């Protein structure tokens, strides 16, 4: 029996995908600056929160402040999210801890 597909939270995209994304898969979104990678990820995470799903967004280049700025522009509520930061030094860890406070 096939698993249910995951909604992306984006009107029309689920239709293009034939119903959504296959669960328990990894998806990599690639593109240049400003192409909507972070916005797509946030839509997907918010849809997952709405459906009580377990999801993970990994950003290799987008810092937490930029993600929060993008979320504010779309009025996304991020208070349901736990954030993690990979840092190489103690000073970077302190900076990460300070930036986790979503407002």
PDB file of N, CA and C in Angstrom:
ATOM      1  N   UNK A   1       0.844  -1.180   0.000  1.00  0.00           N
ATOM      2  CA  UNK A   1       0.000   0.000   0.000  1.00  0.00           C
ATOM      3  C   UNK A   1       0.891   1.246   0.000  1.00  0.00           C
ATOM      4  N   UNK A   2       0.739   2.147  -0.969  1.00  0.00           N
ATOM      5  CA  UNK A   2       1.591   3.329  -1.041  1.00  0.00           C
ATOM      6  C   UNK A   2       1.329   4.284   0.122  1.00  0.00           C
ATOM      7  N   UNK A   3       2.417   4.946   0.565  1.00  0.00           N
ATOM      8  CA  UNK A   3       2.286   5.924   1.639  1.00  0.00           C
ATOM      9  C   UNK A   3       1.594   7.172   1.120  1.00  0.00           C
ATOM     10  N   UNK A   4       0.937   7.887   2.054  1.00  0.00           N
ATOM     11  CA  UNK A   4       0.309   9.151   1.693  1.00  0.00           C
ATOM     12  C   UNK A   4       1.391  10.152   1.318  1.00  0.00           C
ATOM     13  N   UNK A   5       1.066  11.027   0.395  1.00  0.00           N
ATOM     14  CA  UNK A   5       2.012  12.057  -0.019  1.00  0.00           C
ATOM     15  C   UNK A   5       1.929  13.250   0.933  1.00  0.00           C
ATOM     16  N   UNK A   6       3.032  13.969   1.055  1.00  0.00           N
ATOM     17  CA  UNK A   6       3.106  15.135   1.933  1.00  0.00           C
ATOM     18  C   UNK A   6       2.771  16.394   1.145  1.00  0.00           C
ATOM     19  N   UNK A   7       1.865  17.196   1.669  1.00  0.00           N
ATOM     20  CA  UNK A   7       1.552  18.473   1.041  1.00  0.00           C
ATOM     21  C   UNK A   7       2.730  19.420   1.206  1.00  0.00           C
ATOM     22  N   UNK A   8       2.971  20.229   0.181  1.00  0.00           N
ATOM     23  CA  UNK A   8       4.061  21.201   0.248  1.00  0.00           C
ATOM     24  C   UNK A   8       3.631  22.509   0.886  1.00  0.00           C
ATOM     25  N   UNK A   9       2.344  22.770   0.924  1.00  0.00           N
ATOM     26  CA  UNK A   9       1.856  24.042   1.444  1.00  0.00           C
ATOM     27  C   UNK A   9       1.822  25.130   0.387  1.00  0.00           C
ATOM     28  N   UNK A  10       2.085  24.784  -0.858  1.00  0.00           N
ATOM     29  CA  UNK A  10       2.119  25.762  -1.945  1.00  0.00           C
ATOM     30  C   UNK A  10       1.050  25.396  -2.967  1.00  0.00           C
ATOM     31  N   UNK A  11       0.107  26.328  -3.168  1.00  0.00           N
ATOM     32  CA  UNK A  11      -0.970  26.102  -4.132  1.00  0.00           C
ATOM     33  C   UNK A  11      -0.399  25.762  -5.493  1.00  0.00           C
ATOM     34  N   UNK A  12      -0.887  24.720  -6.105  1.00  0.00           N
ATOM     35  CA  UNK A  12      -0.477  24.335  -7.445  1.00  0.00           C
ATOM     36  C   UNK A  12       0.719  23.399  -7.497  1.00  0.00           C
ATOM     37  N   UNK A  13       1.652  23.538  -6.547  1.00  0.00           N
ATOM     38  CA  UNK A  13       2.840  22.682  -6.585  1.00  0.00           C
ATOM     39  C   UNK A  13       2.479  21.217  -6.341  1.00  0.00           C
ATOM     40  N   UNK A  14       1.584  20.963  -5.390  1.00  0.00           N
ATOM     41  CA  UNK A  14       1.181  19.578  -5.135  1.00  0.00           C
ATOM     42  C   UNK A  14       0.516  18.958  -6.363  1.00  0.00           C
ATOM     43  N   UNK A  15      -0.217  19.773  -7.096  1.00  0.00           N
ATOM     44  CA  UNK A  15      -0.845  19.275  -8.326  1.00  0.00           C
ATOM     45  C   UNK A  15       0.226  18.897  -9.354  1.00  0.00           C
ATOM     46  N   UNK A  16       1.230  19.759  -9.511  1.00  0.00           N
ATOM     47  CA  UNK A  16       2.326  19.475 -10.448  1.00  0.00           C
ATOM     48  C   UNK A  16       3.067  18.207 -10.035  1.00  0.00           C
ATOM     49  N   UNK A  17       3.218  18.008  -8.724  1.00  0.00           N
ATOM     50  CA  UNK A  17       3.942  16.843  -8.205  1.00  0.00           C
ATOM     51  C   UNK A  17       3.089  15.579  -8.158  1.00  0.00           C
ATOM     52  N   UNK A  18       1.857  15.665  -8.590  1.00  0.00           N
ATOM     53  CA  UNK A  18       0.986  14.493  -8.582  1.00  0.00           C
ATOM     54  C   UNK A  18       0.454  14.178  -7.197  1.00  0.00           C
ATOM     55  N   UNK A  19       0.309  15.194  -6.357  1.00  0.00           N
ATOM     56  CA  UNK A  19      -0.276  14.992  -5.031  1.00  0.00           C
ATOM     57  C   UNK A  19       0.629  15.422  -3.883  1.00  0.00           C
ATOM     58  N   UNK A  20       1.878  15.678  -4.125  1.00  0.00           N
ATOM     59  CA  UNK A  20       2.789  16.103  -3.055  1.00  0.00           C
ATOM     60  C   UNK A  20       4.112  15.363  -3.126  1.00  0.00           C
ATOM     61  N   UNK A  21       4.839  15.426  -2.039  1.00  0.00           N
ATOM     62  CA  UNK A  21       6.150  14.774  -1.944  1.00  0.00           C
ATOM     63  C   UNK A  21       6.029  13.423  -1.254  1.00  0.00           C
ATOM     64  N   UNK A  22       6.829  12.486  -1.660  1.00  0.00           N
ATOM     65  CA  UNK A  22       6.841  11.164  -1.025  1.00  0.00           C
ATOM     66  C   UNK A  22       7.452  11.305   0.365  1.00  0.00           C
ATOM     67  N   UNK A  23       6.791  10.784   1.360  1.00  0.00           N
ATOM     68  CA  UNK A  23       7.316  10.888   2.720  1.00  0.00           C
ATOM     69  C   UNK A  23       8.536   9.998   2.907  1.00  0.00           C
ATOM     70  N   UNK A  24       9.302  10.300   3.941  1.00  0.00           N
ATOM     71  CA  UNK A  24      10.507   9.551   4.297  1.00  0.00           C
ATOM     72  C   UNK A  24      11.570   9.576   3.204  1.00  0.00           C
ATOM     73  N   UNK A  25      11.637  10.698   2.494  1.00  0.00           N
ATOM     74  CA  UNK A  25      12.641  10.897   1.461  1.00  0.00           C
ATOM     75  C   UNK A  25      13.396  12.186   1.767  1.00  0.00           C
ATOM     76  N   UNK A  26      14.587  12.307   1.212  1.00  0.00           N
ATOM     77  CA  UNK A  26      15.358  13.536   1.313  1.00  0.00           C
ATOM     78  C   UNK A  26      15.172  14.302   0.014  1.00  0.00           C
ATOM     79  N   UNK A  27      14.985  15.596   0.134  1.00  0.00           N
ATOM     80  CA  UNK A  27      14.842  16.452  -1.036  1.00  0.00           C
ATOM     81  C   UNK A  27      15.864  17.567  -0.946  1.00  0.00           C
ATOM     82  N   UNK A  28      16.579  17.783  -2.022  1.00  0.00           N
ATOM     83  CA  UNK A  28      17.546  18.875  -2.108  1.00  0.00           C
ATOM     84  C   UNK A  28      16.983  19.895  -3.084  1.00  0.00           C
ATOM     85  N   UNK A  29      16.909  21.130  -2.627  1.00  0.00           N
ATOM     86  CA  UNK A  29      16.432  22.213  -3.474  1.00  0.00           C
ATOM     87  C   UNK A  29      17.640  23.065  -3.836  1.00  0.00           C
ATOM     88  N   UNK A  30      17.838  23.252  -5.106  1.00  0.00           N
ATOM     89  CA  UNK A  30      19.031  23.948  -5.584  1.00  0.00           C
ATOM     90  C   UNK A  30      18.626  25.101  -6.486  1.00  0.00           C
ATOM     91  N   UNK A  31      19.376  26.192  -6.403  1.00  0.00           N
ATOM     92  CA  UNK A  31      19.126  27.329  -7.275  1.00  0.00           C
ATOM     93  C   UNK A  31      19.952  28.517  -6.842  1.00  0.00           C
ATOM     94  N   UNK A  32      19.976  29.514  -7.647  1.00  0.00           N
ATOM     95  CA  UNK A  32      20.735  30.721  -7.359  1.00  0.00           C
ATOM     96  C   UNK A  32      20.059  31.575  -6.303  1.00  0.00           C
ATOM     97  N   UNK A  33      20.723  32.658  -5.901  1.00  0.00           N
ATOM     98  CA  UNK A  33      20.156  33.571  -4.914  1.00  0.00           C
ATOM     99  C   UNK A  33      18.816  34.145  -5.385  1.00  0.00           C
ATOM    100  N   UNK A  34      17.854  34.162  -4.483  1.00  0.00           N
ATOM    101  CA  UNK A  34      16.567  34.769  -4.794  1.00  0.00           C
ATOM    102  C   UNK A  34      15.606  33.905  -5.578  1.00  0.00           C
ATOM    103  N   UNK A  35      15.904  32.622  -5.740  1.00  0.00           N
ATOM    104  CA  UNK A  35      15.019  31.754  -6.531  1.00  0.00           C
ATOM    105  C   UNK A  35      13.905  31.123  -5.698  1.00  0.00           C
ATOM    106  N   UNK A  36      13.930  31.316  -4.382  1.00  0.00           N
ATOM    107  CA  UNK A  36      12.827  30.840  -3.549  1.00  0.00           C
ATOM    108  C   UNK A  36      13.096  29.567  -2.773  1.00  0.00           C
ATOM    109  N   UNK A  37      14.340  29.163  -2.656  1.00  0.00           N
ATOM    110  CA  UNK A  37      14.658  27.909  -1.943  1.00  0.00           C
ATOM    111  C   UNK A  37      14.219  27.974  -0.477  1.00  0.00           C
ATOM    112  N   UNK A  38      14.563  29.057   0.196  1.00  0.00           N
ATOM    113  CA  UNK A  38      14.209  29.195   1.617  1.00  0.00           C
ATOM    114  C   UNK A  38      12.706  29.321   1.777  1.00  0.00           C
ATOM    115  N   UNK A  39      12.077  30.085   0.904  1.00  0.00           N
ATOM    116  CA  UNK A  39      10.622  30.258   0.967  1.00  0.00           C
ATOM    117  C   UNK A  39       9.912  28.918   0.769  1.00  0.00           C
ATOM    118  N   UNK A  40      10.373  28.121  -0.181  1.00  0.00           N
ATOM    119  CA  UNK A  40       9.813  26.786  -0.397  1.00  0.00           C
ATOM    120  C   UNK A  40       9.971  25.941   0.862  1.00  0.00           C
ATOM    121  N   UNK A  41      11.170  25.963   1.439  1.00  0.00           N
ATOM    122  CA  UNK A  41      11.410  25.185   2.653  1.00  0.00           C
ATOM    123  C   UNK A  41      10.516  25.612   3.805  1.00  0.00           C
ATOM    124  N   UNK A  42      10.336  26.913   3.982  1.00  0.00           N
ATOM    125  CA  UNK A  42       9.478  27.403   5.067  1.00  0.00           C
ATOM    126  C   UNK A  42       8.016  27.023   4.847  1.00  0.00           C
ATOM    127  N   UNK A  43       7.534  27.132   3.614  1.00  0.00           N
ATOM    128  CA  UNK A  43       6.163  26.695   3.304  1.00  0.00           C
ATOM    129  C   UNK A  43       5.988  25.223   3.683  1.00  0.00           C
ATOM    130  N   UNK A  44       6.946  24.410   3.275  1.00  0.00           N
ATOM    131  CA  UNK A  44       6.878  22.973   3.540  1.00  0.00           C
ATOM    132  C   UNK A  44       6.898  22.686   5.041  1.00  0.00           C
ATOM    133  N   UNK A  45       7.774  23.373   5.771  1.00  0.00           N
ATOM    134  CA  UNK A  45       7.840  23.159   7.223  1.00  0.00           C
ATOM    135  C   UNK A  45       6.558  23.596   7.913  1.00  0.00           C
ATOM    136  N   UNK A  46       6.004  24.727   7.522  1.00  0.00           N
ATOM    137  CA  UNK A  46       4.766  25.196   8.147  1.00  0.00           C
ATOM    138  C   UNK A  46       3.602  24.252   7.857  1.00  0.00           C
ATOM    139  N   UNK A  47       3.567  23.704   6.641  1.00  0.00           N
ATOM    140  CA  UNK A  47       2.535  22.707   6.307  1.00  0.00           C
ATOM    141  C   UNK A  47       2.722  21.462   7.174  1.00  0.00           C
ATOM    142  N   UNK A  48       3.976  21.065   7.373  1.00  0.00           N
ATOM    143  CA  UNK A  48       4.264  19.914   8.226  1.00  0.00           C
ATOM    144  C   UNK A  48       3.853  20.144   9.659  1.00  0.00           C
ATOM    145  N   UNK A  49       4.103  21.337  10.186  1.00  0.00           N
ATOM    146  CA  UNK A  49       3.681  21.673  11.551  1.00  0.00           C
ATOM    147  C   UNK A  49       2.159  21.567  11.658  1.00  0.00           C
ATOM    148  N   UNK A  50       1.464  22.103  10.650  1.00  0.00           N
ATOM    149  CA  UNK A  50      -0.003  22.048  10.625  1.00  0.00           C
ATOM    150  C   UNK A  50      -0.502  20.602  10.659  1.00  0.00           C
ATOM    151  N   UNK A  51       0.225  19.702   9.998  1.00  0.00           N
ATOM    152  CA  UNK A  51      -0.171  18.294   9.923  1.00  0.00           C
ATOM    153  C   UNK A  51       0.526  17.408  10.950  1.00  0.00           C
ATOM    154  N   UNK A  52       1.204  18.043  11.913  1.00  0.00           N
ATOM    155  CA  UNK A  52       1.902  17.338  13.001  1.00  0.00           C
ATOM    156  C   UNK A  52       2.912  16.316  12.483  1.00  0.00           C
ATOM    157  N   UNK A  53       3.663  16.709  11.450  1.00  0.00           N
ATOM    158  CA  UNK A  53       4.693  15.854  10.876  1.00  0.00           C
ATOM    159  C   UNK A  53       6.059  16.232  11.432  1.00  0.00           C
ATOM    160  N   UNK A  54       7.006  15.319  11.338  1.00  0.00           N
ATOM    161  CA  UNK A  54       8.374  15.588  11.746  1.00  0.00           C
ATOM    162  C   UNK A  54       9.176  15.948  10.506  1.00  0.00           C
ATOM    163  N   UNK A  55       9.754  17.146  10.510  1.00  0.00           N
ATOM    164  CA  UNK A  55      10.464  17.646   9.338  1.00  0.00           C
ATOM    165  C   UNK A  55      11.762  18.308   9.757  1.00  0.00           C
ATOM    166  N   UNK A  56      12.669  18.432   8.795  1.00  0.00           N
ATOM    167  CA  UNK A  56      13.963  19.056   9.048  1.00  0.00           C
ATOM    168  C   UNK A  56      14.354  19.893   7.846  1.00  0.00           C
ATOM    169  N   UNK A  57      14.748  21.129   8.108  1.00  0.00           N
ATOM    170  CA  UNK A  57      15.278  21.996   7.060  1.00  0.00           C
ATOM    171  C   UNK A  57      16.745  22.230   7.367  1.00  0.00           C
ATOM    172  N   UNK A  58      17.594  21.927   6.405  1.00  0.00           N
ATOM    173  CA  UNK A  58      19.026  22.162   6.550  1.00  0.00           C
ATOM    174  C   UNK A  58      19.402  23.215   5.525  1.00  0.00           C
ATOM    175  N   UNK A  59      19.989  24.296   5.994  1.00  0.00           N
ATOM    176  CA  UNK A  59      20.455  25.333   5.090  1.00  0.00           C
ATOM    177  C   UNK A  59      21.965  25.387   5.159  1.00  0.00           C
ATOM    178  N   UNK A  60      22.598  25.253   4.023  1.00  0.00           N
ATOM    179  CA  UNK A  60      24.059  25.236   3.979  1.00  0.00           C
ATOM    180  C   UNK A  60      24.650  26.637   3.935  1.00  0.00           C
ATOM    181  N   UNK A  61      23.905  27.602   3.423  1.00  0.00           N
ATOM    182  CA  UNK A  61      24.475  28.946   3.275  1.00  0.00           C
ATOM    183  C   UNK A  61      23.623  30.045   3.892  1.00  0.00           C
ATOM    184  N   UNK A  62      22.345  29.830   4.056  1.00  0.00           N
ATOM    185  CA  UNK A  62      21.446  30.860   4.578  1.00  0.00           C
ATOM    186  C   UNK A  62      21.573  30.926   6.092  1.00  0.00           C
ATOM    187  N   UNK A  63      21.929  32.091   6.619  1.00  0.00           N
ATOM    188  CA  UNK A  63      22.049  32.200   8.068  1.00  0.00           C
ATOM    189  C   UNK A  63      20.673  32.396   8.703  1.00  0.00           C
ATOM    190  N   UNK A  64      20.609  32.186  10.011  1.00  0.00           N
ATOM    191  CA  UNK A  64      19.335  32.195  10.730  1.00  0.00           C
ATOM    192  C   UNK A  64      18.644  33.557  10.638  1.00  0.00           C
ATOM    193  N   UNK A  65      19.401  34.631  10.640  1.00  0.00           N
ATOM    194  CA  UNK A  65      18.800  35.965  10.542  1.00  0.00           C
ATOM    195  C   UNK A  65      18.113  36.160   9.195  1.00  0.00           C
ATOM    196  N   UNK A  66      18.715  35.660   8.138  1.00  0.00           N
ATOM    197  CA  UNK A  66      18.108  35.779   6.809  1.00  0.00           C
ATOM    198  C   UNK A  66      16.841  34.920   6.719  1.00  0.00           C
ATOM    199  N   UNK A  67      16.863  33.751   7.326  1.00  0.00           N
ATOM    200  CA  UNK A  67      15.675  32.891   7.346  1.00  0.00           C
ATOM    201  C   UNK A  67      14.548  33.578   8.101  1.00  0.00           C
ATOM    202  N   UNK A  68      14.871  34.189   9.250  1.00  0.00           N
ATOM    203  CA  UNK A  68      13.852  34.903  10.030  1.00  0.00           C
ATOM    204  C   UNK A  68      13.303  36.095   9.242  1.00  0.00           C
ATOM    205  N   UNK A  69      14.176  36.796   8.523  1.00  0.00           N
ATOM    206  CA  UNK A  69      13.739  37.931   7.709  1.00  0.00           C
ATOM    207  C   UNK A  69      12.774  37.467   6.613  1.00  0.00           C
ATOM    208  N   UNK A  70      13.118  36.382   5.930  1.00  0.00           N
ATOM    209  CA  UNK A  70      12.224  35.823   4.905  1.00  0.00           C
ATOM    210  C   UNK A  70      10.879  35.443   5.516  1.00  0.00           C
ATOM    211  N   UNK A  71      10.901  34.817   6.671  1.00  0.00           N
ATOM    212  CA  UNK A  71       9.662  34.397   7.332  1.00  0.00           C
ATOM    213  C   UNK A  71       8.791  35.605   7.673  1.00  0.00           C
ATOM    214  N   UNK A  72       9.405  36.657   8.186  1.00  0.00           N
ATOM    215  CA  UNK A  72       8.637  37.869   8.523  1.00  0.00           C
ATOM    216  C   UNK A  72       7.989  38.480   7.276  1.00  0.00           C
ATOM    217  N   UNK A  73       8.691  38.478   6.160  1.00  0.00           N
ATOM    218  CA  UNK A  73       8.147  39.058   4.929  1.00  0.00           C
ATOM    219  C   UNK A  73       6.870  38.353   4.480  1.00  0.00           C
ATOM    220  N   UNK A  74       6.765  37.068   4.784  1.00  0.00           N
ATOM    221  CA  UNK A  74       5.578  36.297   4.409  1.00  0.00           C
ATOM    222  C   UNK A  74       4.629  36.068   5.582  1.00  0.00           C
ATOM    223  N   UNK A  75       4.911  36.707   6.719  1.00  0.00           N
ATOM    224  CA  UNK A  75       4.102  36.544   7.939  1.00  0.00           C
ATOM    225  C   UNK A  75       4.032  35.095   8.395  1.00  0.00           C
ATOM    226  N   UNK A  76       5.136  34.351   8.219  1.00  0.00           N
ATOM    227  CA  UNK A  76       5.222  32.978   8.701  1.00  0.00           C
ATOM    228  C   UNK A  76       5.504  33.005  10.196  1.00  0.00           C
ATOM    229  N   UNK A  77       4.806  32.191  10.938  1.00  0.00           N
ATOM    230  CA  UNK A  77       5.008  32.091  12.375  1.00  0.00           C
ATOM    231  C   UNK A  77       5.995  30.963  12.653  1.00  0.00           C
ATOM    232  N   UNK A  78       7.159  31.308  13.170  1.00  0.00           N
ATOM    233  CA  UNK A  78       8.212  30.314  13.393  1.00  0.00           C
ATOM    234  C   UNK A  78       8.319  29.850  14.837  1.00  0.00           C
ATOM    235  N   UNK A  79       7.364  30.181  15.685  1.00  0.00           N
ATOM    236  CA  UNK A  79       7.518  29.803  17.094  1.00  0.00           C
ATOM    237  C   UNK A  79       7.428  28.299  17.323  1.00  0.00           C
ATOM    238  N   UNK A  80       7.030  27.521  16.337  1.00  0.00           N
ATOM    239  CA  UNK A  80       6.969  26.056  16.461  1.00  0.00           C
ATOM    240  C   UNK A  80       8.301  25.382  16.143  1.00  0.00           C
ATOM    241  N   UNK A  81       9.272  26.154  15.679  1.00  0.00           N
ATOM    242  CA  UNK A  81      10.516  25.585  15.181  1.00  0.00           C
ATOM    243  C   UNK A  81      11.608  25.541  16.238  1.00  0.00           C
ATOM    244  N   UNK A  82      12.373  24.486  16.194  1.00  0.00           N
ATOM    245  CA  UNK A  82      13.617  24.395  16.945  1.00  0.00           C
ATOM    246  C   UNK A  82      14.729  24.587  15.933  1.00  0.00           C
ATOM    247  N   UNK A  83      15.699  25.415  16.263  1.00  0.00           N
ATOM    248  CA  UNK A  83      16.783  25.666  15.320  1.00  0.00           C
ATOM    249  C   UNK A  83      18.096  25.149  15.869  1.00  0.00           C
ATOM    250  N   UNK A  84      18.935  24.739  14.972  1.00  0.00           N
ATOM    251  CA  UNK A  84      20.263  24.250  15.317  1.00  0.00           C
ATOM    252  C   UNK A  84      21.282  25.017  14.494  1.00  0.00           C
ATOM    253  N   UNK A  85      22.443  25.166  15.032  1.00  0.00           N
ATOM    254  CA  UNK A  85      23.497  25.886  14.331  1.00  0.00           C
ATOM    255  C   UNK A  85      24.784  25.089  14.481  1.00  0.00           C
ATOM    256  N   UNK A  86      25.440  24.823  13.372  1.00  0.00           N
ATOM    257  CA  UNK A  86      26.738  24.156  13.423  1.00  0.00           C
ATOM    258  C   UNK A  86      27.804  25.237  13.461  1.00  0.00           C
ATOM    259  N   UNK A  87      28.650  25.202  14.462  1.00  0.00           N
ATOM    260  CA  UNK A  87      29.674  26.229  14.600  1.00  0.00           C
ATOM    261  C   UNK A  87      31.021  25.579  14.882  1.00  0.00           C
ATOM    262  N   UNK A  88      32.067  26.231  14.408  1.00  0.00           N
ATOM    263  CA  UNK A  88      33.411  25.674  14.540  1.00  0.00           C
ATOM    264  C   UNK A  88      34.137  26.156  15.789  1.00  0.00           C
ATOM    265  N   UNK A  89      33.678  27.261  16.390  1.00  0.00           N
ATOM    266  CA  UNK A  89      34.389  27.801  17.550  1.00  0.00           C
ATOM    267  C   UNK A  89      33.400  28.169  18.645  1.00  0.00           C
ATOM    268  N   UNK A  90      33.913  28.388  19.851  1.00  0.00           N
ATOM    269  CA  UNK A  90      33.070  28.764  20.987  1.00  0.00           C
ATOM    270  C   UNK A  90      32.365  30.090  20.722  1.00  0.00           C
ATOM    271  N   UNK A  91      33.053  31.045  20.119  1.00  0.00           N
ATOM    272  CA  UNK A  91      32.427  32.331  19.809  1.00  0.00           C
ATOM    273  C   UNK A  91      31.268  32.163  18.826  1.00  0.00           C
ATOM    274  N   UNK A  92      31.444  31.309  17.835  1.00  0.00           N
ATOM    275  CA  UNK A  92      30.363  31.054  16.885  1.00  0.00           C
ATOM    276  C   UNK A  92      29.175  30.383  17.564  1.00  0.00           C
ATOM    277  N   UNK A  93      29.430  29.495  18.516  1.00  0.00           N
ATOM    278  CA  UNK A  93      28.346  28.845  19.261  1.00  0.00           C
ATOM    279  C   UNK A  93      27.562  29.882  20.048  1.00  0.00           C
ATOM    280  N   UNK A  94      28.258  30.822  20.702  1.00  0.00           N
ATOM    281  CA  UNK A  94      27.567  31.876  21.447  1.00  0.00           C
ATOM    282  C   UNK A  94      26.701  32.711  20.518  1.00  0.00           C
ATOM    283  N   UNK A  95      27.201  33.030  19.342  1.00  0.00           N
ATOM    284  CA  UNK A  95      26.412  33.786  18.374  1.00  0.00           C
ATOM    285  C   UNK A  95      25.193  33.001  17.924  1.00  0.00           C
ATOM    286  N   UNK A  96      25.355  31.705  17.709  1.00  0.00           N
ATOM    287  CA  UNK A  96      24.216  30.865  17.313  1.00  0.00           C
ATOM    288  C   UNK A  96      23.152  30.857  18.396  1.00  0.00           C
ATOM    289  N   UNK A  97      23.545  30.700  19.636  1.00  0.00           N
ATOM    290  CA  UNK A  97      22.581  30.659  20.739  1.00  0.00           C
ATOM    291  C   UNK A  97      21.780  31.961  20.798  1.00  0.00           C
ATOM    292  N   UNK A  98      22.437  33.090  20.586  1.00  0.00           N
ATOM    293  CA  UNK A  98      21.745  34.369  20.619  1.00  0.00           C
ATOM    294  C   UNK A  98      20.753  34.506  19.472  1.00  0.00           C
ATOM    295  N   UNK A  99      21.075  33.953  18.335  1.00  0.00           N
ATOM    296  CA  UNK A  99      20.223  34.125  17.161  1.00  0.00           C
ATOM    297  C   UNK A  99      19.018  33.191  17.154  1.00  0.00           C
ATOM    298  N   UNK A 100      18.935  32.235  18.076  1.00  0.00           N
ATOM    299  CA  UNK A 100      17.811  31.292  18.078  1.00  0.00           C
ATOM    300  C   UNK A 100      16.502  31.902  18.544  1.00  0.00           C
ATOM    301  N   UNK A 101      16.534  33.090  19.110  1.00  0.00           N
ATOM    302  CA  UNK A 101      15.328  33.702  19.664  1.00  0.00           C
ATOM    303  C   UNK A 101      14.505  34.296  18.529  1.00  0.00           C
ATOM    304  N   UNK A 102      13.467  33.583  18.116  1.00  0.00           N
ATOM    305  CA  UNK A 102      12.585  34.097  17.075  1.00  0.00           C
ATOM    306  C   UNK A 102      11.630  35.104  17.687  1.00  0.00           C
ATOM    307  N   UNK A 103      11.369  36.174  16.969  1.00  0.00           N
ATOM    308  CA  UNK A 103      10.412  37.164  17.468  1.00  0.00           C
ATOM    309  C   UNK A 103       9.281  37.343  16.483  1.00  0.00           C
TER     310      UNK A 103
END
